[in-house]
Amino acid sequence: MANETKGNWWIWKVFWILLFITAFEVALGMIKPPFLVDTIFLGTKLLNHVFIILTIIKAAYIILEFMHLGHEKKSLKWTVLLPAMVLVPYLLFIILSEGVHSYLMI
């Protein structure tokens, strides 16, 4: 039993890191700081951009830990993470800018 506890320490580390980031997101959603809500960037509130960035960070961390990429060579990590880190913000930019354009055309 003691060996199982020592071998599962990483799952608790992952749990606490993800819990902290999620709790921070929930706190931001509940508090809604005025400077994040009042500032518009790329057609949406800055708070939405903060949520998107934190979600991408959580997704990258989950990929690194649960797909066991955290202990691989840097080149393999970047091969998996870089397309997601480039394409997801690019697609979100397209969606947000097109959404603003269609909203303004009504």
PDB file of N, CA and C in Angstrom:
ATOM      1  N   MET A   1       0.812  -1.191   0.000  1.00  0.00           N
ATOM      2  CA  MET A   1       0.000   0.000   0.000  1.00  0.00           C
ATOM      3  C   MET A   1       0.861   1.263   0.000  1.00  0.00           C
ATOM      4  N   ALA A   2       1.970   1.229   0.704  1.00  0.00           N
ATOM      5  CA  ALA A   2       2.839   2.399   0.762  1.00  0.00           C
ATOM      6  C   ALA A   2       3.463   2.681  -0.600  1.00  0.00           C
ATOM      7  N   ASN A   3       3.776   1.635  -1.357  1.00  0.00           N
ATOM      8  CA  ASN A   3       4.363   1.832  -2.679  1.00  0.00           C
ATOM      9  C   ASN A   3       3.364   2.463  -3.643  1.00  0.00           C
ATOM     10  N   GLU A   4       2.078   2.105  -3.519  1.00  0.00           N
ATOM     11  CA  GLU A   4       1.060   2.693  -4.380  1.00  0.00           C
ATOM     12  C   GLU A   4       0.905   4.179  -4.104  1.00  0.00           C
ATOM     13  N   THR A   5       0.995   4.584  -2.859  1.00  0.00           N
ATOM     14  CA  THR A   5       0.864   5.989  -2.493  1.00  0.00           C
ATOM     15  C   THR A   5       2.030   6.790  -3.050  1.00  0.00           C
ATOM     16  N   LYS A   6       3.230   6.256  -2.971  1.00  0.00           N
ATOM     17  CA  LYS A   6       4.392   6.979  -3.476  1.00  0.00           C
ATOM     18  C   LYS A   6       4.367   7.064  -4.999  1.00  0.00           C
ATOM     19  N   GLY A   7       3.767   6.107  -5.675  1.00  0.00           N
ATOM     20  CA  GLY A   7       3.728   6.111  -7.125  1.00  0.00           C
ATOM     21  C   GLY A   7       2.656   7.008  -7.713  1.00  0.00           C
ATOM     22  N   ASN A   8       1.681   7.419  -6.911  1.00  0.00           N
ATOM     23  CA  ASN A   8       0.572   8.225  -7.413  1.00  0.00           C
ATOM     24  C   ASN A   8       0.649   9.690  -7.001  1.00  0.00           C
ATOM     25  N   TRP A   9       1.811  10.153  -6.607  1.00  0.00           N
ATOM     26  CA  TRP A   9       1.936  11.549  -6.160  1.00  0.00           C
ATOM     27  C   TRP A   9       1.675  12.524  -7.301  1.00  0.00           C
ATOM     28  N   TRP A  10       2.007  12.139  -8.535  1.00  0.00           N
ATOM     29  CA  TRP A  10       1.864  13.059  -9.666  1.00  0.00           C
ATOM     30  C   TRP A  10       0.404  13.370  -9.964  1.00  0.00           C
ATOM     31  N   ILE A  11      -0.480  12.408  -9.719  1.00  0.00           N
ATOM     32  CA  ILE A  11      -1.896  12.657  -9.996  1.00  0.00           C
ATOM     33  C   ILE A  11      -2.445  13.735  -9.057  1.00  0.00           C
ATOM     34  N   TRP A  12      -1.943  13.758  -7.834  1.00  0.00           N
ATOM     35  CA  TRP A  12      -2.368  14.795  -6.893  1.00  0.00           C
ATOM     36  C   TRP A  12      -1.807  16.158  -7.279  1.00  0.00           C
ATOM     37  N   LYS A  13      -0.584  16.173  -7.789  1.00  0.00           N
ATOM     38  CA  LYS A  13       0.000  17.430  -8.263  1.00  0.00           C
ATOM     39  C   LYS A  13      -0.831  17.983  -9.420  1.00  0.00           C
ATOM     40  N   VAL A  14      -1.186  17.113 -10.358  1.00  0.00           N
ATOM     41  CA  VAL A  14      -2.018  17.524 -11.491  1.00  0.00           C
ATOM     42  C   VAL A  14      -3.375  18.015 -10.997  1.00  0.00           C
ATOM     43  N   PHE A  15      -3.954  17.276 -10.062  1.00  0.00           N
ATOM     44  CA  PHE A  15      -5.250  17.660  -9.501  1.00  0.00           C
ATOM     45  C   PHE A  15      -5.207  19.052  -8.904  1.00  0.00           C
ATOM     46  N   TRP A  16      -4.211  19.351  -8.087  1.00  0.00           N
ATOM     47  CA  TRP A  16      -4.141  20.650  -7.416  1.00  0.00           C
ATOM     48  C   TRP A  16      -3.860  21.788  -8.396  1.00  0.00           C
ATOM     49  N   ILE A  17      -3.031  21.537  -9.380  1.00  0.00           N
ATOM     50  CA  ILE A  17      -2.755  22.582 -10.371  1.00  0.00           C
ATOM     51  C   ILE A  17      -4.014  22.900 -11.169  1.00  0.00           C
ATOM     52  N   LEU A  18      -4.704  21.865 -11.648  1.00  0.00           N
ATOM     53  CA  LEU A  18      -5.926  22.084 -12.419  1.00  0.00           C
ATOM     54  C   LEU A  18      -7.037  22.688 -11.559  1.00  0.00           C
ATOM     55  N   LEU A  19      -7.099  22.272 -10.300  1.00  0.00           N
ATOM     56  CA  LEU A  19      -8.089  22.843  -9.385  1.00  0.00           C
ATOM     57  C   LEU A  19      -7.834  24.329  -9.166  1.00  0.00           C
ATOM     58  N   PHE A  20      -6.560  24.704  -8.993  1.00  0.00           N
ATOM     59  CA  PHE A  20      -6.230  26.105  -8.780  1.00  0.00           C
ATOM     60  C   PHE A  20      -6.609  26.952  -9.994  1.00  0.00           C
ATOM     61  N   ILE A  21      -6.268  26.480 -11.195  1.00  0.00           N
ATOM     62  CA  ILE A  21      -6.592  27.242 -12.403  1.00  0.00           C
ATOM     63  C   ILE A  21      -8.106  27.346 -12.575  1.00  0.00           C
ATOM     64  N   THR A  22      -8.824  26.254 -12.340  1.00  0.00           N
ATOM     65  CA  THR A  22     -10.280  26.267 -12.463  1.00  0.00           C
ATOM     66  C   THR A  22     -10.917  27.172 -11.423  1.00  0.00           C
ATOM     67  N   ALA A  23     -10.419  27.122 -10.188  1.00  0.00           N
ATOM     68  CA  ALA A  23     -10.952  28.001  -9.139  1.00  0.00           C
ATOM     69  C   ALA A  23     -10.698  29.466  -9.484  1.00  0.00           C
ATOM     70  N   PHE A  24      -9.538  29.748 -10.073  1.00  0.00           N
ATOM     71  CA  PHE A  24      -9.234  31.116 -10.502  1.00  0.00           C
ATOM     72  C   PHE A  24     -10.208  31.566 -11.593  1.00  0.00           C
ATOM     73  N   GLU A  25     -10.514  30.675 -12.533  1.00  0.00           N
ATOM     74  CA  GLU A  25     -11.483  30.999 -13.577  1.00  0.00           C
ATOM     75  C   GLU A  25     -12.873  31.249 -12.995  1.00  0.00           C
ATOM     76  N   VAL A  26     -13.280  30.407 -12.067  1.00  0.00           N
ATOM     77  CA  VAL A  26     -14.597  30.571 -11.440  1.00  0.00           C
ATOM     78  C   VAL A  26     -14.654  31.876 -10.652  1.00  0.00           C
ATOM     79  N   ALA A  27     -13.581  32.188  -9.931  1.00  0.00           N
ATOM     80  CA  ALA A  27     -13.541  33.444  -9.169  1.00  0.00           C
ATOM     81  C   ALA A  27     -13.625  34.648 -10.103  1.00  0.00           C
ATOM     82  N   LEU A  28     -12.904  34.592 -11.218  1.00  0.00           N
ATOM     83  CA  LEU A  28     -13.002  35.689 -12.183  1.00  0.00           C
ATOM     84  C   LEU A  28     -14.417  35.806 -12.744  1.00  0.00           C
ATOM     85  N   GLY A  29     -15.053  34.669 -12.986  1.00  0.00           N
ATOM     86  CA  GLY A  29     -16.422  34.690 -13.499  1.00  0.00           C
ATOM     87  C   GLY A  29     -17.415  35.237 -12.501  1.00  0.00           C
ATOM     88  N   MET A  30     -17.169  35.007 -11.228  1.00  0.00           N
ATOM     89  CA  MET A  30     -18.080  35.514 -10.200  1.00  0.00           C
ATOM     90  C   MET A  30     -17.827  36.990  -9.901  1.00  0.00           C
ATOM     91  N   ILE A  31     -16.554  37.372  -9.810  1.00  0.00           N
ATOM     92  CA  ILE A  31     -16.207  38.754  -9.459  1.00  0.00           C
ATOM     93  C   ILE A  31     -16.385  39.693 -10.647  1.00  0.00           C
ATOM     94  N   LYS A  32     -16.000  39.240 -11.837  1.00  0.00           N
ATOM     95  CA  LYS A  32     -16.043  40.029 -13.069  1.00  0.00           C
ATOM     96  C   LYS A  32     -15.425  41.411 -12.855  1.00  0.00           C
ATOM     97  N   PRO A  33     -14.095  41.458 -12.769  1.00  0.00           N
ATOM     98  CA  PRO A  33     -13.432  42.756 -12.567  1.00  0.00           C
ATOM     99  C   PRO A  33     -13.814  43.749 -13.664  1.00  0.00           C
ATOM    100  N   PRO A  34     -14.123  44.973 -13.275  1.00  0.00           N
ATOM    101  CA  PRO A  34     -14.598  45.965 -14.254  1.00  0.00           C
ATOM    102  C   PRO A  34     -13.622  46.218 -15.409  1.00  0.00           C
ATOM    103  N   PHE A  35     -12.313  46.220 -15.131  1.00  0.00           N
ATOM    104  CA  PHE A  35     -11.361  46.497 -16.206  1.00  0.00           C
ATOM    105  C   PHE A  35     -11.329  45.368 -17.231  1.00  0.00           C
ATOM    106  N   LEU A  36     -11.705  44.141 -16.838  1.00  0.00           N
ATOM    107  CA  LEU A  36     -11.767  43.042 -17.796  1.00  0.00           C
ATOM    108  C   LEU A  36     -13.096  42.996 -18.535  1.00  0.00           C
ATOM    109  N   VAL A  37     -14.147  43.462 -17.886  1.00  0.00           N
ATOM    110  CA  VAL A  37     -15.480  43.426 -18.497  1.00  0.00           C
ATOM    111  C   VAL A  37     -15.692  44.621 -19.426  1.00  0.00           C
ATOM    112  N   ASP A  38     -15.152  45.778 -19.044  1.00  0.00           N
ATOM    113  CA  ASP A  38     -15.374  46.998 -19.818  1.00  0.00           C
ATOM    114  C   ASP A  38     -14.460  47.123 -21.032  1.00  0.00           C
ATOM    115  N   THR A  39     -13.345  46.417 -21.041  1.00  0.00           N
ATOM    116  CA  THR A  39     -12.393  46.506 -22.138  1.00  0.00           C
ATOM    117  C   THR A  39     -12.792  45.541 -23.249  1.00  0.00           C
ATOM    118  N   ILE A  40     -12.944  46.085 -24.438  1.00  0.00           N
ATOM    119  CA  ILE A  40     -13.312  45.270 -25.600  1.00  0.00           C
ATOM    120  C   ILE A  40     -12.060  45.088 -26.459  1.00  0.00           C
ATOM    121  N   PHE A  41     -11.772  43.843 -26.814  1.00  0.00           N
ATOM    122  CA  PHE A  41     -10.625  43.523 -27.663  1.00  0.00           C
ATOM    123  C   PHE A  41     -11.060  42.474 -28.676  1.00  0.00           C
ATOM    124  N   LEU A  42     -10.855  42.756 -29.944  1.00  0.00           N
ATOM    125  CA  LEU A  42     -11.275  41.875 -31.037  1.00  0.00           C
ATOM    126  C   LEU A  42     -12.772  41.559 -30.981  1.00  0.00           C
ATOM    127  N   GLY A  43     -13.546  42.530 -30.564  1.00  0.00           N
ATOM    128  CA  GLY A  43     -14.993  42.382 -30.606  1.00  0.00           C
ATOM    129  C   GLY A  43     -15.623  41.700 -29.412  1.00  0.00           C
ATOM    130  N   THR A  44     -14.837  41.308 -28.427  1.00  0.00           N
ATOM    131  CA  THR A  44     -15.411  40.678 -27.243  1.00  0.00           C
ATOM    132  C   THR A  44     -14.686  41.191 -26.002  1.00  0.00           C
ATOM    133  N   LYS A  45     -15.260  40.925 -24.868  1.00  0.00           N
ATOM    134  CA  LYS A  45     -14.690  41.421 -23.618  1.00  0.00           C
ATOM    135  C   LYS A  45     -13.350  40.754 -23.333  1.00  0.00           C
ATOM    136  N   LEU A  46     -12.489  41.499 -22.681  1.00  0.00           N
ATOM    137  CA  LEU A  46     -11.165  40.990 -22.340  1.00  0.00           C
ATOM    138  C   LEU A  46     -11.260  39.788 -21.407  1.00  0.00           C
ATOM    139  N   LEU A  47     -12.308  39.726 -20.608  1.00  0.00           N
ATOM    140  CA  LEU A  47     -12.515  38.591 -19.707  1.00  0.00           C
ATOM    141  C   LEU A  47     -12.654  37.289 -20.495  1.00  0.00           C
ATOM    142  N   ASN A  48     -13.317  37.328 -21.639  1.00  0.00           N
ATOM    143  CA  ASN A  48     -13.436  36.134 -22.471  1.00  0.00           C
ATOM    144  C   ASN A  48     -12.073  35.671 -22.961  1.00  0.00           C
ATOM    145  N   HIS A  49     -11.213  36.611 -23.299  1.00  0.00           N
ATOM    146  CA  HIS A  49      -9.870  36.253 -23.747  1.00  0.00           C
ATOM    147  C   HIS A  49      -9.066  35.608 -22.617  1.00  0.00           C
ATOM    148  N   VAL A  50      -9.244  36.094 -21.412  1.00  0.00           N
ATOM    149  CA  VAL A  50      -8.567  35.491 -20.257  1.00  0.00           C
ATOM    150  C   VAL A  50      -9.039  34.054 -20.075  1.00  0.00           C
ATOM    151  N   PHE A  51     -10.335  33.825 -20.191  1.00  0.00           N
ATOM    152  CA  PHE A  51     -10.873  32.464 -20.075  1.00  0.00           C
ATOM    153  C   PHE A  51     -10.312  31.554 -21.167  1.00  0.00           C
ATOM    154  N   ILE A  52     -10.224  32.065 -22.381  1.00  0.00           N
ATOM    155  CA  ILE A  52      -9.691  31.269 -23.490  1.00  0.00           C
ATOM    156  C   ILE A  52      -8.244  30.898 -23.238  1.00  0.00           C
ATOM    157  N   ILE A  53      -7.440  31.850 -22.801  1.00  0.00           N
ATOM    158  CA  ILE A  53      -6.018  31.588 -22.533  1.00  0.00           C
ATOM    159  C   ILE A  53      -5.848  30.579 -21.409  1.00  0.00           C
ATOM    160  N   LEU A  54      -6.599  30.733 -20.322  1.00  0.00           N
ATOM    161  CA  LEU A  54      -6.492  29.789 -19.209  1.00  0.00           C
ATOM    162  C   LEU A  54      -6.954  28.388 -19.618  1.00  0.00           C
ATOM    163  N   THR A  55      -7.966  28.307 -20.461  1.00  0.00           N
ATOM    164  CA  THR A  55      -8.430  27.004 -20.932  1.00  0.00           C
ATOM    165  C   THR A  55      -7.393  26.341 -21.825  1.00  0.00           C
ATOM    166  N   ILE A  56      -6.723  27.118 -22.668  1.00  0.00           N
ATOM    167  CA  ILE A  56      -5.662  26.557 -23.510  1.00  0.00           C
ATOM    168  C   ILE A  56      -4.499  26.074 -22.650  1.00  0.00           C
ATOM    169  N   ILE A  57      -4.174  26.810 -21.599  1.00  0.00           N
ATOM    170  CA  ILE A  57      -3.104  26.381 -20.680  1.00  0.00           C
ATOM    171  C   ILE A  57      -3.484  25.066 -19.998  1.00  0.00           C
ATOM    172  N   LYS A  58      -4.728  24.972 -19.544  1.00  0.00           N
ATOM    173  CA  LYS A  58      -5.174  23.725 -18.921  1.00  0.00           C
ATOM    174  C   LYS A  58      -5.137  22.567 -19.903  1.00  0.00           C
ATOM    175  N   ALA A  59      -5.565  22.803 -21.127  1.00  0.00           N
ATOM    176  CA  ALA A  59      -5.550  21.737 -22.130  1.00  0.00           C
ATOM    177  C   ALA A  59      -4.131  21.273 -22.424  1.00  0.00           C
ATOM    178  N   ALA A  60      -3.198  22.207 -22.539  1.00  0.00           N
ATOM    179  CA  ALA A  60      -1.800  21.832 -22.785  1.00  0.00           C
ATOM    180  C   ALA A  60      -1.230  21.037 -21.620  1.00  0.00           C
ATOM    181  N   TYR A  61      -1.561  21.426 -20.410  1.00  0.00           N
ATOM    182  CA  TYR A  61      -1.063  20.704 -19.237  1.00  0.00           C
ATOM    183  C   TYR A  61      -1.656  19.295 -19.174  1.00  0.00           C
ATOM    184  N   ILE A  62      -2.929  19.173 -19.507  1.00  0.00           N
ATOM    185  CA  ILE A  62      -3.560  17.847 -19.523  1.00  0.00           C
ATOM    186  C   ILE A  62      -2.917  16.968 -20.585  1.00  0.00           C
ATOM    187  N   ILE A  63      -2.640  17.533 -21.742  1.00  0.00           N
ATOM    188  CA  ILE A  63      -1.972  16.769 -22.797  1.00  0.00           C
ATOM    189  C   ILE A  63      -0.595  16.312 -22.334  1.00  0.00           C
ATOM    190  N   LEU A  64       0.154  17.211 -21.717  1.00  0.00           N
ATOM    191  CA  LEU A  64       1.508  16.855 -21.268  1.00  0.00           C
ATOM    192  C   LEU A  64       1.490  15.767 -20.206  1.00  0.00           C
ATOM    193  N   GLU A  65       0.543  15.822 -19.300  1.00  0.00           N
ATOM    194  CA  GLU A  65       0.547  14.865 -18.196  1.00  0.00           C
ATOM    195  C   GLU A  65      -0.130  13.549 -18.549  1.00  0.00           C
ATOM    196  N   PHE A  66      -1.331  13.604 -19.098  1.00  0.00           N
ATOM    197  CA  PHE A  66      -2.095  12.379 -19.289  1.00  0.00           C
ATOM    198  C   PHE A  66      -1.767  11.647 -20.586  1.00  0.00           C
ATOM    199  N   MET A  67      -1.135  12.341 -21.529  1.00  0.00           N
ATOM    200  CA  MET A  67      -0.633  11.648 -22.718  1.00  0.00           C
ATOM    201  C   MET A  67       0.856  11.318 -22.533  1.00  0.00           C
ATOM    202  N   HIS A  68       1.354  11.556 -21.343  1.00  0.00           N
ATOM    203  CA  HIS A  68       2.730  11.238 -20.954  1.00  0.00           C
ATOM    204  C   HIS A  68       3.759  11.910 -21.855  1.00  0.00           C
ATOM    205  N   LEU A  69       3.460  13.119 -22.288  1.00  0.00           N
ATOM    206  CA  LEU A  69       4.414  13.868 -23.092  1.00  0.00           C
ATOM    207  C   LEU A  69       5.348  14.713 -22.245  1.00  0.00           C
ATOM    208  N   GLY A  70       5.070  14.812 -20.969  1.00  0.00           N
ATOM    209  CA  GLY A  70       5.885  15.644 -20.092  1.00  0.00           C
ATOM    210  C   GLY A  70       7.311  15.156 -19.953  1.00  0.00           C
ATOM    211  N   HIS A  71       7.542  13.882 -20.199  1.00  0.00           N
ATOM    212  CA  HIS A  71       8.879  13.315 -20.021  1.00  0.00           C
ATOM    213  C   HIS A  71       9.538  12.986 -21.355  1.00  0.00           C
ATOM    214  N   GLU A  72       8.960  13.448 -22.441  1.00  0.00           N
ATOM    215  CA  GLU A  72       9.530  13.205 -23.762  1.00  0.00           C
ATOM    216  C   GLU A  72      10.502  14.324 -24.133  1.00  0.00           C
ATOM    217  N   LYS A  73      11.129  14.173 -25.281  1.00  0.00           N
ATOM    218  CA  LYS A  73      12.029  15.205 -25.765  1.00  0.00           C
ATOM    219  C   LYS A  73      11.244  16.458 -26.109  1.00  0.00           C
ATOM    220  N   LYS A  74      11.931  17.606 -26.044  1.00  0.00           N
ATOM    221  CA  LYS A  74      11.266  18.871 -26.318  1.00  0.00           C
ATOM    222  C   LYS A  74      10.684  18.932 -27.720  1.00  0.00           C
ATOM    223  N   SER A  75      11.380  18.342 -28.681  1.00  0.00           N
ATOM    224  CA  SER A  75      10.894  18.406 -30.058  1.00  0.00           C
ATOM    225  C   SER A  75       9.555  17.688 -30.208  1.00  0.00           C
ATOM    226  N   LEU A  76       9.365  16.575 -29.529  1.00  0.00           N
ATOM    227  CA  LEU A  76       8.086  15.867 -29.602  1.00  0.00           C
ATOM    228  C   LEU A  76       6.985  16.657 -28.906  1.00  0.00           C
ATOM    229  N   LYS A  77       7.307  17.267 -27.773  1.00  0.00           N
ATOM    230  CA  LYS A  77       6.314  18.102 -27.085  1.00  0.00           C
ATOM    231  C   LYS A  77       5.820  19.221 -28.000  1.00  0.00           C
ATOM    232  N   TRP A  78       6.773  19.918 -28.633  1.00  0.00           N
ATOM    233  CA  TRP A  78       6.401  21.029 -29.496  1.00  0.00           C
ATOM    234  C   TRP A  78       5.672  20.566 -30.749  1.00  0.00           C
ATOM    235  N   THR A  79       6.003  19.377 -31.232  1.00  0.00           N
ATOM    236  CA  THR A  79       5.312  18.841 -32.406  1.00  0.00           C
ATOM    237  C   THR A  79       3.841  18.614 -32.109  1.00  0.00           C
ATOM    238  N   VAL A  80       3.520  18.212 -30.911  1.00  0.00           N
ATOM    239  CA  VAL A  80       2.128  17.967 -30.536  1.00  0.00           C
ATOM    240  C   VAL A  80       1.434  19.258 -30.110  1.00  0.00           C
ATOM    241  N   LEU A  81       2.110  20.087 -29.315  1.00  0.00           N
ATOM    242  CA  LEU A  81       1.458  21.257 -28.732  1.00  0.00           C
ATOM    243  C   LEU A  81       1.398  22.468 -29.661  1.00  0.00           C
ATOM    244  N   LEU A  82       2.406  22.660 -30.481  1.00  0.00           N
ATOM    245  CA  LEU A  82       2.459  23.876 -31.296  1.00  0.00           C
ATOM    246  C   LEU A  82       1.286  24.021 -32.267  1.00  0.00           C
ATOM    247  N   PRO A  83       0.889  22.970 -32.984  1.00  0.00           N
ATOM    248  CA  PRO A  83      -0.288  23.161 -33.854  1.00  0.00           C
ATOM    249  C   PRO A  83      -1.537  23.567 -33.069  1.00  0.00           C
ATOM    250  N   ALA A  84      -1.735  22.990 -31.919  1.00  0.00           N
ATOM    251  CA  ALA A  84      -2.906  23.354 -31.114  1.00  0.00           C
ATOM    252  C   ALA A  84      -2.786  24.787 -30.594  1.00  0.00           C
ATOM    253  N   MET A  85      -1.582  25.173 -30.176  1.00  0.00           N
ATOM    254  CA  MET A  85      -1.394  26.510 -29.629  1.00  0.00           C
ATOM    255  C   MET A  85      -1.480  27.598 -30.699  1.00  0.00           C
ATOM    256  N   VAL A  86      -1.249  27.244 -31.944  1.00  0.00           N
ATOM    257  CA  VAL A  86      -1.348  28.215 -33.037  1.00  0.00           C
ATOM    258  C   VAL A  86      -2.749  28.194 -33.651  1.00  0.00           C
ATOM    259  N   LEU A  87      -3.266  27.011 -33.924  1.00  0.00           N
ATOM    260  CA  LEU A  87      -4.531  26.912 -34.637  1.00  0.00           C
ATOM    261  C   LEU A  87      -5.749  27.283 -33.797  1.00  0.00           C
ATOM    262  N   VAL A  88      -5.748  26.931 -32.529  1.00  0.00           N
ATOM    263  CA  VAL A  88      -6.919  27.250 -31.690  1.00  0.00           C
ATOM    264  C   VAL A  88      -7.105  28.761 -31.557  1.00  0.00           C
ATOM    265  N   PRO A  89      -6.057  29.539 -31.201  1.00  0.00           N
ATOM    266  CA  PRO A  89      -6.272  31.001 -31.175  1.00  0.00           C
ATOM    267  C   PRO A  89      -6.619  31.579 -32.546  1.00  0.00           C
ATOM    268  N   TYR A  90      -6.030  31.029 -33.607  1.00  0.00           N
ATOM    269  CA  TYR A  90      -6.347  31.505 -34.952  1.00  0.00           C
ATOM    270  C   TYR A  90      -7.822  31.263 -35.284  1.00  0.00           C
ATOM    271  N   LEU A  91      -8.311  30.068 -34.991  1.00  0.00           N
ATOM    272  CA  LEU A  91      -9.721  29.773 -35.242  1.00  0.00           C
ATOM    273  C   LEU A  91     -10.639  30.624 -34.373  1.00  0.00           C
ATOM    274  N   LEU A  92     -10.245  30.866 -33.130  1.00  0.00           N
ATOM    275  CA  LEU A  92     -11.050  31.737 -32.267  1.00  0.00           C
ATOM    276  C   LEU A  92     -11.073  33.160 -32.799  1.00  0.00           C
ATOM    277  N   PHE A  93      -9.938  33.626 -33.326  1.00  0.00           N
ATOM    278  CA  PHE A  93      -9.898  34.958 -33.933  1.00  0.00           C
ATOM    279  C   PHE A  93     -10.861  35.046 -35.101  1.00  0.00           C
ATOM    280  N   ILE A  94     -10.870  34.020 -35.948  1.00  0.00           N
ATOM    281  CA  ILE A  94     -11.776  34.013 -37.095  1.00  0.00           C
ATOM    282  C   ILE A  94     -13.227  34.025 -36.626  1.00  0.00           C
ATOM    283  N   ILE A  95     -13.541  33.195 -35.643  1.00  0.00           N
ATOM    284  CA  ILE A  95     -14.920  33.118 -35.146  1.00  0.00           C
ATOM    285  C   ILE A  95     -15.354  34.442 -34.529  1.00  0.00           C
ATOM    286  N   LEU A  96     -14.474  35.043 -33.710  1.00  0.00           N
ATOM    287  CA  LEU A  96     -14.831  36.302 -33.054  1.00  0.00           C
ATOM    288  C   LEU A  96     -14.963  37.438 -34.054  1.00  0.00           C
ATOM    289  N   SER A  97     -14.036  37.538 -34.985  1.00  0.00           N
ATOM    290  CA  SER A  97     -14.105  38.644 -35.945  1.00  0.00           C
ATOM    291  C   SER A  97     -15.296  38.486 -36.892  1.00  0.00           C
ATOM    292  N   GLU A  98     -15.590  37.275 -37.318  1.00  0.00           N
ATOM    293  CA  GLU A  98     -16.748  37.060 -38.184  1.00  0.00           C
ATOM    294  C   GLU A  98     -18.053  37.287 -37.409  1.00  0.00           C
ATOM    295  N   GLY A  99     -18.057  36.916 -36.129  1.00  0.00           N
ATOM    296  CA  GLY A  99     -19.238  37.154 -35.311  1.00  0.00           C
ATOM    297  C   GLY A  99     -19.518  38.639 -35.149  1.00  0.00           C
ATOM    298  N   VAL A 100     -18.464  39.421 -34.957  1.00  0.00           N
ATOM    299  CA  VAL A 100     -18.628  40.877 -34.840  1.00  0.00           C
ATOM    300  C   VAL A 100     -19.116  41.439 -36.157  1.00  0.00           C
ATOM    301  N   HIS A 101     -18.552  40.966 -37.242  1.00  0.00           N
ATOM    302  CA  HIS A 101     -18.969  41.463 -38.561  1.00  0.00           C
ATOM    303  C   HIS A 101     -20.441  41.142 -38.825  1.00  0.00           C
ATOM    304  N   SER A 102     -20.865  39.927 -38.536  1.00  0.00           N
ATOM    305  CA  SER A 102     -22.265  39.588 -38.774  1.00  0.00           C
ATOM    306  C   SER A 102     -23.192  40.351 -37.820  1.00  0.00           C
ATOM    307  N   TYR A 103     -22.714  40.630 -36.605  1.00  0.00           N
ATOM    308  CA  TYR A 103     -23.528  41.409 -35.667  1.00  0.00           C
ATOM    309  C   TYR A 103     -23.702  42.840 -36.158  1.00  0.00           C
ATOM    310  N   LEU A 104     -22.643  43.404 -36.726  1.00  0.00           N
ATOM    311  CA  LEU A 104     -22.713  44.786 -37.215  1.00  0.00           C
ATOM    312  C   LEU A 104     -23.526  44.914 -38.493  1.00  0.00           C
ATOM    313  N   MET A 105     -23.660  43.828 -39.234  1.00  0.00           N
ATOM    314  CA  MET A 105     -24.390  43.884 -40.501  1.00  0.00           C
ATOM    315  C   MET A 105     -25.899  43.777 -40.323  1.00  0.00           C
ATOM    316  N   ILE A 106     -26.356  43.444 -39.128  1.00  0.00           N
ATOM    317  CA  ILE A 106     -27.802  43.301 -38.889  1.00  0.00           C
ATOM    318  C   ILE A 106     -28.472  44.658 -38.807  1.00  0.00           C
TER     319      ILE A 106
END
